[in-house]
Amino acid sequence: MTDRASSPLANEADEMLYIVRSSSAVAWWSKVSPMIVADWLMAQVITKDEEKIKANLKLSDDAWRLLGHWENANTRELFNNNK
């Protein structure tokens, strides 16, 4: 997903989806449009093969958990108290 063909990764992509940027009075452009499209795309993928997606997400979460990705002092304390 990009808003312009000159995006650095656009040349590397097999497929591209152009998303119009929203403009506002503030100094930066809104990321609402791309986020809505990304959310919609994820919903389409999930509804196509929900069980496979759930299994892949669980594998991914388990891998991150093994690496301690979501751990902080609070989660370590809870984990150690539940042993």
C-alpha atoms as a PDB file:
ATOM      1  CA  MET A   1       0.000   0.000   0.000  1.00  0.00           C
ATOM      2  CA  THR A   2       1.344   3.373  -0.932  1.00  0.00           C
ATOM      3  CA  ASP A   3       0.191   6.832  -1.861  1.00  0.00           C
ATOM      4  CA  ARG A   4       2.675   7.282  -4.706  1.00  0.00           C
ATOM      5  CA  ALA A   5       4.487   5.254  -7.336  1.00  0.00           C
ATOM      6  CA  SER A   6       7.799   6.818  -6.298  1.00  0.00           C
ATOM      7  CA  SER A   7       7.649   5.101  -2.914  1.00  0.00           C
ATOM      8  CA  PRO A   8      11.014   3.325  -2.338  1.00  0.00           C
ATOM      9  CA  LEU A   9       9.484  -0.153  -2.071  1.00  0.00           C
ATOM     10  CA  ALA A  10       7.018   0.293  -4.949  1.00  0.00           C
ATOM     11  CA  ASN A  11       9.525  -1.060  -7.473  1.00  0.00           C
ATOM     12  CA  GLU A  12      10.020  -4.200  -5.377  1.00  0.00           C
ATOM     13  CA  ALA A  13       6.324  -5.039  -5.037  1.00  0.00           C
ATOM     14  CA  ASP A  14       4.535  -7.658  -7.111  1.00  0.00           C
ATOM     15  CA  GLU A  15       1.248  -5.841  -6.503  1.00  0.00           C
ATOM     16  CA  MET A  16       0.521  -2.288  -5.389  1.00  0.00           C
ATOM     17  CA  LEU A  17      -2.540  -0.660  -3.936  1.00  0.00           C
ATOM     18  CA  TYR A  18      -2.652   3.121  -4.146  1.00  0.00           C
ATOM     19  CA  ILE A  19      -4.406   4.885  -1.311  1.00  0.00           C
ATOM     20  CA  VAL A  20      -5.263   8.559  -1.448  1.00  0.00           C
ATOM     21  CA  ARG A  21      -3.836  10.612   1.369  1.00  0.00           C
ATOM     22  CA  SER A  22      -6.164  12.779   3.416  1.00  0.00           C
ATOM     23  CA  SER A  23      -5.015  16.309   3.910  1.00  0.00           C
ATOM     24  CA  SER A  24      -5.562  18.405   6.975  1.00  0.00           C
ATOM     25  CA  ALA A  25      -4.652  21.808   8.304  1.00  0.00           C
ATOM     26  CA  VAL A  26      -1.951  20.341  10.528  1.00  0.00           C
ATOM     27  CA  ALA A  27       1.598  19.715   9.371  1.00  0.00           C
ATOM     28  CA  TRP A  28       1.210  15.991   8.639  1.00  0.00           C
ATOM     29  CA  TRP A  29      -1.158  13.917   6.548  1.00  0.00           C
ATOM     30  CA  SER A  30      -3.704  11.640   8.118  1.00  0.00           C
ATOM     31  CA  LYS A  31      -3.037   7.916   8.281  1.00  0.00           C
ATOM     32  CA  VAL A  32      -6.749   7.131   8.657  1.00  0.00           C
ATOM     33  CA  SER A  33      -7.299   6.112   5.014  1.00  0.00           C
ATOM     34  CA  PRO A  34      -4.442   3.578   4.872  1.00  0.00           C
ATOM     35  CA  MET A  35      -5.404   2.178   8.274  1.00  0.00           C
ATOM     36  CA  ILE A  36      -9.012   1.647   7.146  1.00  0.00           C
ATOM     37  CA  VAL A  37      -7.843  -0.155   4.005  1.00  0.00           C
ATOM     38  CA  ALA A  38      -5.349  -2.271   5.985  1.00  0.00           C
ATOM     39  CA  ASP A  39      -8.089  -3.204   8.458  1.00  0.00           C
ATOM     40  CA  TRP A  40     -10.434  -4.122   5.605  1.00  0.00           C
ATOM     41  CA  LEU A  41      -7.749  -6.250   3.909  1.00  0.00           C
ATOM     42  CA  MET A  42      -7.024  -8.115   7.145  1.00  0.00           C
ATOM     43  CA  ALA A  43     -10.741  -8.786   7.620  1.00  0.00           C
ATOM     44  CA  GLN A  44     -10.943 -10.222   4.092  1.00  0.00           C
ATOM     45  CA  VAL A  45      -7.968 -12.520   4.675  1.00  0.00           C
ATOM     46  CA  ILE A  46      -9.314 -13.722   8.018  1.00  0.00           C
ATOM     47  CA  THR A  47     -12.778 -14.515   6.681  1.00  0.00           C
ATOM     48  CA  LYS A  48     -11.285 -16.457   3.763  1.00  0.00           C
ATOM     49  CA  ASP A  49      -9.557 -19.075   5.948  1.00  0.00           C
ATOM     50  CA  GLU A  50     -10.225 -18.266   9.590  1.00  0.00           C
ATOM     51  CA  GLU A  51      -8.897 -21.503  11.118  1.00  0.00           C
ATOM     52  CA  LYS A  52      -5.594 -21.347   9.227  1.00  0.00           C
ATOM     53  CA  ILE A  53      -5.148 -17.670  10.183  1.00  0.00           C
ATOM     54  CA  LYS A  54      -5.846 -18.440  13.854  1.00  0.00           C
ATOM     55  CA  ALA A  55      -3.315 -21.285  13.803  1.00  0.00           C
ATOM     56  CA  ASN A  56      -0.658 -19.087  12.162  1.00  0.00           C
ATOM     57  CA  LEU A  57      -1.299 -16.244  14.615  1.00  0.00           C
ATOM     58  CA  LYS A  58      -0.964 -18.670  17.529  1.00  0.00           C
ATOM     59  CA  LEU A  59       2.359 -19.945  16.158  1.00  0.00           C
ATOM     60  CA  SER A  60       3.559 -16.368  15.750  1.00  0.00           C
ATOM     61  CA  ASP A  61       2.419 -15.388  19.251  1.00  0.00           C
ATOM     62  CA  ASP A  62       4.092 -18.470  20.731  1.00  0.00           C
ATOM     63  CA  ALA A  63       7.369 -17.606  18.984  1.00  0.00           C
ATOM     64  CA  TRP A  64       7.264 -14.028  20.272  1.00  0.00           C
ATOM     65  CA  ARG A  65       6.385 -15.279  23.754  1.00  0.00           C
ATOM     66  CA  LEU A  66       9.423 -17.605  23.750  1.00  0.00           C
ATOM     67  CA  LEU A  67      11.577 -14.599  22.907  1.00  0.00           C
ATOM     68  CA  GLY A  68      10.075 -12.667  25.818  1.00  0.00           C
ATOM     69  CA  HIS A  69       8.629 -10.047  23.502  1.00  0.00           C
ATOM     70  CA  TRP A  70       5.614  -9.187  25.658  1.00  0.00           C
ATOM     71  CA  GLU A  71       7.292  -9.524  29.012  1.00  0.00           C
ATOM     72  CA  ASN A  72       7.871  -6.617  31.323  1.00  0.00           C
ATOM     73  CA  ALA A  73       8.284  -6.410  35.087  1.00  0.00           C
ATOM     74  CA  ASN A  74       4.529  -6.789  35.694  1.00  0.00           C
ATOM     75  CA  THR A  75       4.053  -9.862  33.495  1.00  0.00           C
ATOM     76  CA  ARG A  76       7.152 -11.548  34.910  1.00  0.00           C
ATOM     77  CA  GLU A  77       5.836 -10.954  38.433  1.00  0.00           C
ATOM     78  CA  LEU A  78       2.424 -12.417  37.537  1.00  0.00           C
ATOM     79  CA  PHE A  79       4.049 -15.395  35.795  1.00  0.00           C
ATOM     80  CA  ASN A  80       6.364 -16.145  38.723  1.00  0.00           C
ATOM     81  CA  ASN A  81       3.521 -15.867  41.263  1.00  0.00           C
ATOM     82  CA  ASN A  82       1.395 -18.377  39.317  1.00  0.00           C
ATOM     83  CA  LYS A  83       4.025 -21.154  39.358  1.00  0.00           C
END
